[in-house]
Amino acid sequence: MAGTTLMRATLFGLLLQVIMVIAGHLSPAIAEFFPVGGMLISLVAGLVHGRAKPAWKTAVVGGAVAGGACALLGILVSWLLGDVPALILAMGTAMSALTGAIGGLVGWRLPRALA
């Protein structure tokens, strides 16, 4: 099923995002790494999606969706907790969608390079 891989990648990324947000809410030292950590999580979500796709276009688009969706929801939690301004919802989601797309491309290419 096509949506199953995307859903798994998104939920995996969302789980990691929420863990990071809660840890950052409790520890300001961790909160300093929200931008890098959030984009890294989106990259991994895209990679998870991209590894299962036969075509690079679906890997990139799905990686962008997975990376952007998990970031949007994670940033929303962070905003609701009062840890980030509302502007980060747009900027963080856009940057995370881009890194998710890169992750999707890397994930699509990685199994072929190892084969």
C-alpha atoms as a PDB file:
ATOM      1  CA  MET A   1       0.000   0.000   0.000  1.00  0.00           C
ATOM      2  CA  ALA A   2       1.482   3.339  -1.074  1.00  0.00           C
ATOM      3  CA  GLY A   3       0.335   5.404   1.895  1.00  0.00           C
ATOM      4  CA  THR A   4       1.576   2.934   4.495  1.00  0.00           C
ATOM      5  CA  THR A   5       5.241   3.796   4.014  1.00  0.00           C
ATOM      6  CA  LEU A   6       4.495   7.512   4.112  1.00  0.00           C
ATOM      7  CA  MET A   7       2.389   7.107   7.252  1.00  0.00           C
ATOM      8  CA  ARG A   8       5.091   5.057   8.977  1.00  0.00           C
ATOM      9  CA  ALA A   9       7.814   7.553   8.123  1.00  0.00           C
ATOM     10  CA  THR A  10       5.664  10.475   9.265  1.00  0.00           C
ATOM     11  CA  LEU A  11       4.679   8.817  12.543  1.00  0.00           C
ATOM     12  CA  PHE A  12       8.286   7.810  13.214  1.00  0.00           C
ATOM     13  CA  GLY A  13       9.410  11.401  12.655  1.00  0.00           C
ATOM     14  CA  LEU A  14       6.541  12.763  14.734  1.00  0.00           C
ATOM     15  CA  LEU A  15       7.439  10.518  17.656  1.00  0.00           C
ATOM     16  CA  LEU A  16      11.048  11.726  17.547  1.00  0.00           C
ATOM     17  CA  GLN A  17       9.932  15.371  17.187  1.00  0.00           C
ATOM     18  CA  VAL A  18       7.625  15.162  20.212  1.00  0.00           C
ATOM     19  CA  ILE A  19      10.325  13.514  22.318  1.00  0.00           C
ATOM     20  CA  MET A  20      12.738  16.294  21.345  1.00  0.00           C
ATOM     21  CA  VAL A  21      10.158  19.023  22.056  1.00  0.00           C
ATOM     22  CA  ILE A  22       9.300  17.649  25.497  1.00  0.00           C
ATOM     23  CA  ALA A  23      12.983  17.236  26.357  1.00  0.00           C
ATOM     24  CA  GLY A  24      13.642  20.781  25.148  1.00  0.00           C
ATOM     25  CA  HIS A  25      10.729  22.136  27.141  1.00  0.00           C
ATOM     26  CA  LEU A  26      12.237  20.612  30.269  1.00  0.00           C
ATOM     27  CA  SER A  27      15.848  21.536  29.445  1.00  0.00           C
ATOM     28  CA  PRO A  28      16.772  24.863  27.796  1.00  0.00           C
ATOM     29  CA  ALA A  29      20.118  23.361  26.754  1.00  0.00           C
ATOM     30  CA  ILE A  30      18.287  20.858  24.553  1.00  0.00           C
ATOM     31  CA  ALA A  31      15.952  23.567  23.220  1.00  0.00           C
ATOM     32  CA  GLU A  32      18.978  25.336  21.716  1.00  0.00           C
ATOM     33  CA  PHE A  33      19.277  22.423  19.299  1.00  0.00           C
ATOM     34  CA  PHE A  34      15.642  22.532  18.074  1.00  0.00           C
ATOM     35  CA  PRO A  35      16.524  23.809  14.560  1.00  0.00           C
ATOM     36  CA  VAL A  36      19.284  21.289  13.877  1.00  0.00           C
ATOM     37  CA  GLY A  37      17.571  18.431  15.677  1.00  0.00           C
ATOM     38  CA  GLY A  38      14.251  19.061  13.963  1.00  0.00           C
ATOM     39  CA  MET A  39      15.775  19.126  10.499  1.00  0.00           C
ATOM     40  CA  LEU A  40      17.817  16.012  11.244  1.00  0.00           C
ATOM     41  CA  ILE A  41      14.657  14.192  12.322  1.00  0.00           C
ATOM     42  CA  SER A  42      12.926  15.291   9.108  1.00  0.00           C
ATOM     43  CA  LEU A  43      15.919  14.074   7.103  1.00  0.00           C
ATOM     44  CA  VAL A  44      15.645  10.664   8.778  1.00  0.00           C
ATOM     45  CA  ALA A  45      11.866  10.540   8.177  1.00  0.00           C
ATOM     46  CA  GLY A  46      12.485  11.268   4.494  1.00  0.00           C
ATOM     47  CA  LEU A  47      15.204   8.636   4.360  1.00  0.00           C
ATOM     48  CA  VAL A  48      12.883   6.034   5.902  1.00  0.00           C
ATOM     49  CA  HIS A  49      10.284   6.814   3.247  1.00  0.00           C
ATOM     50  CA  GLY A  50      12.746   6.990   0.358  1.00  0.00           C
ATOM     51  CA  ARG A  51      14.285   3.577   1.025  1.00  0.00           C
ATOM     52  CA  ALA A  52      10.980   1.890   0.172  1.00  0.00           C
ATOM     53  CA  LYS A  53      10.290   3.721  -3.090  1.00  0.00           C
ATOM     54  CA  PRO A  54      11.227   2.449  -6.563  1.00  0.00           C
ATOM     55  CA  ALA A  55      11.218   5.887  -8.254  1.00  0.00           C
ATOM     56  CA  TRP A  56      13.191   8.928  -7.179  1.00  0.00           C
ATOM     57  CA  LYS A  57      10.277  11.344  -7.693  1.00  0.00           C
ATOM     58  CA  THR A  58       7.991   9.515  -5.272  1.00  0.00           C
ATOM     59  CA  ALA A  59      10.874   9.203  -2.809  1.00  0.00           C
ATOM     60  CA  VAL A  60      11.562  12.947  -2.898  1.00  0.00           C
ATOM     61  CA  VAL A  61       7.919  14.056  -2.736  1.00  0.00           C
ATOM     62  CA  GLY A  62       7.073  11.563  -0.002  1.00  0.00           C
ATOM     63  CA  GLY A  63      10.216  12.525   1.910  1.00  0.00           C
ATOM     64  CA  ALA A  64       9.173  16.167   1.765  1.00  0.00           C
ATOM     65  CA  VAL A  65       5.675  15.321   2.985  1.00  0.00           C
ATOM     66  CA  ALA A  66       6.947  13.103   5.813  1.00  0.00           C
ATOM     67  CA  GLY A  67       9.620  15.590   6.879  1.00  0.00           C
ATOM     68  CA  GLY A  68       7.318  18.591   6.672  1.00  0.00           C
ATOM     69  CA  ALA A  69       4.336  16.938   8.363  1.00  0.00           C
ATOM     70  CA  CYS A  70       6.271  15.587  11.336  1.00  0.00           C
ATOM     71  CA  ALA A  71       7.998  18.951  11.761  1.00  0.00           C
ATOM     72  CA  LEU A  72       4.748  20.899  11.531  1.00  0.00           C
ATOM     73  CA  LEU A  73       3.144  18.814  14.254  1.00  0.00           C
ATOM     74  CA  GLY A  74       6.266  18.852  16.417  1.00  0.00           C
ATOM     75  CA  ILE A  75       6.611  22.627  16.076  1.00  0.00           C
ATOM     76  CA  LEU A  76       2.915  23.015  16.831  1.00  0.00           C
ATOM     77  CA  VAL A  77       3.422  21.169  20.130  1.00  0.00           C
ATOM     78  CA  SER A  78       6.418  23.367  20.875  1.00  0.00           C
ATOM     79  CA  TRP A  79       4.410  26.508  20.082  1.00  0.00           C
ATOM     80  CA  LEU A  80       1.526  25.351  22.289  1.00  0.00           C
ATOM     81  CA  LEU A  81       4.033  24.882  25.114  1.00  0.00           C
ATOM     82  CA  GLY A  82       5.250  28.444  24.520  1.00  0.00           C
ATOM     83  CA  ASP A  83       8.776  27.464  23.506  1.00  0.00           C
ATOM     84  CA  VAL A  84       8.847  28.916  19.973  1.00  0.00           C
ATOM     85  CA  PRO A  85       7.163  31.869  18.214  1.00  0.00           C
ATOM     86  CA  ALA A  86       4.374  31.235  15.694  1.00  0.00           C
ATOM     87  CA  LEU A  87       6.614  32.280  12.772  1.00  0.00           C
ATOM     88  CA  ILE A  88       8.644  29.111  13.311  1.00  0.00           C
ATOM     89  CA  LEU A  89       5.587  27.068  12.279  1.00  0.00           C
ATOM     90  CA  ALA A  90       6.008  28.279   8.685  1.00  0.00           C
ATOM     91  CA  MET A  91       9.794  28.594   8.506  1.00  0.00           C
ATOM     92  CA  GLY A  92      10.570  25.377  10.363  1.00  0.00           C
ATOM     93  CA  THR A  93       8.053  23.379   8.356  1.00  0.00           C
ATOM     94  CA  ALA A  94       9.425  24.669   5.042  1.00  0.00           C
ATOM     95  CA  MET A  95      13.036  23.939   5.960  1.00  0.00           C
ATOM     96  CA  SER A  96      12.122  20.518   7.332  1.00  0.00           C
ATOM     97  CA  ALA A  97      10.179  19.661   4.177  1.00  0.00           C
ATOM     98  CA  LEU A  98      13.312  20.500   2.178  1.00  0.00           C
ATOM     99  CA  THR A  99      15.522  18.316   4.366  1.00  0.00           C
ATOM    100  CA  GLY A 100      12.882  15.564   4.218  1.00  0.00           C
ATOM    101  CA  ALA A 101      13.051  15.716   0.413  1.00  0.00           C
ATOM    102  CA  ILE A 102      16.840  15.418   0.562  1.00  0.00           C
ATOM    103  CA  GLY A 103      16.452  12.469   2.930  1.00  0.00           C
ATOM    104  CA  GLY A 104      13.999  10.854   0.520  1.00  0.00           C
ATOM    105  CA  LEU A 105      16.490  11.160  -2.330  1.00  0.00           C
ATOM    106  CA  VAL A 106      19.341   9.800  -0.213  1.00  0.00           C
ATOM    107  CA  GLY A 107      17.108   6.972   1.023  1.00  0.00           C
ATOM    108  CA  TRP A 108      16.072   6.104  -2.527  1.00  0.00           C
ATOM    109  CA  ARG A 109      19.677   6.078  -3.719  1.00  0.00           C
ATOM    110  CA  LEU A 110      21.240   4.375  -0.703  1.00  0.00           C
ATOM    111  CA  PRO A 111      19.945   0.824  -1.262  1.00  0.00           C
ATOM    112  CA  ARG A 112      20.903   0.989  -4.928  1.00  0.00           C
ATOM    113  CA  ALA A 113      24.435   2.120  -4.080  1.00  0.00           C
ATOM    114  CA  LEU A 114      24.865  -0.742  -1.604  1.00  0.00           C
ATOM    115  CA  ALA A 115      23.512  -3.406  -3.967  1.00  0.00           C
END
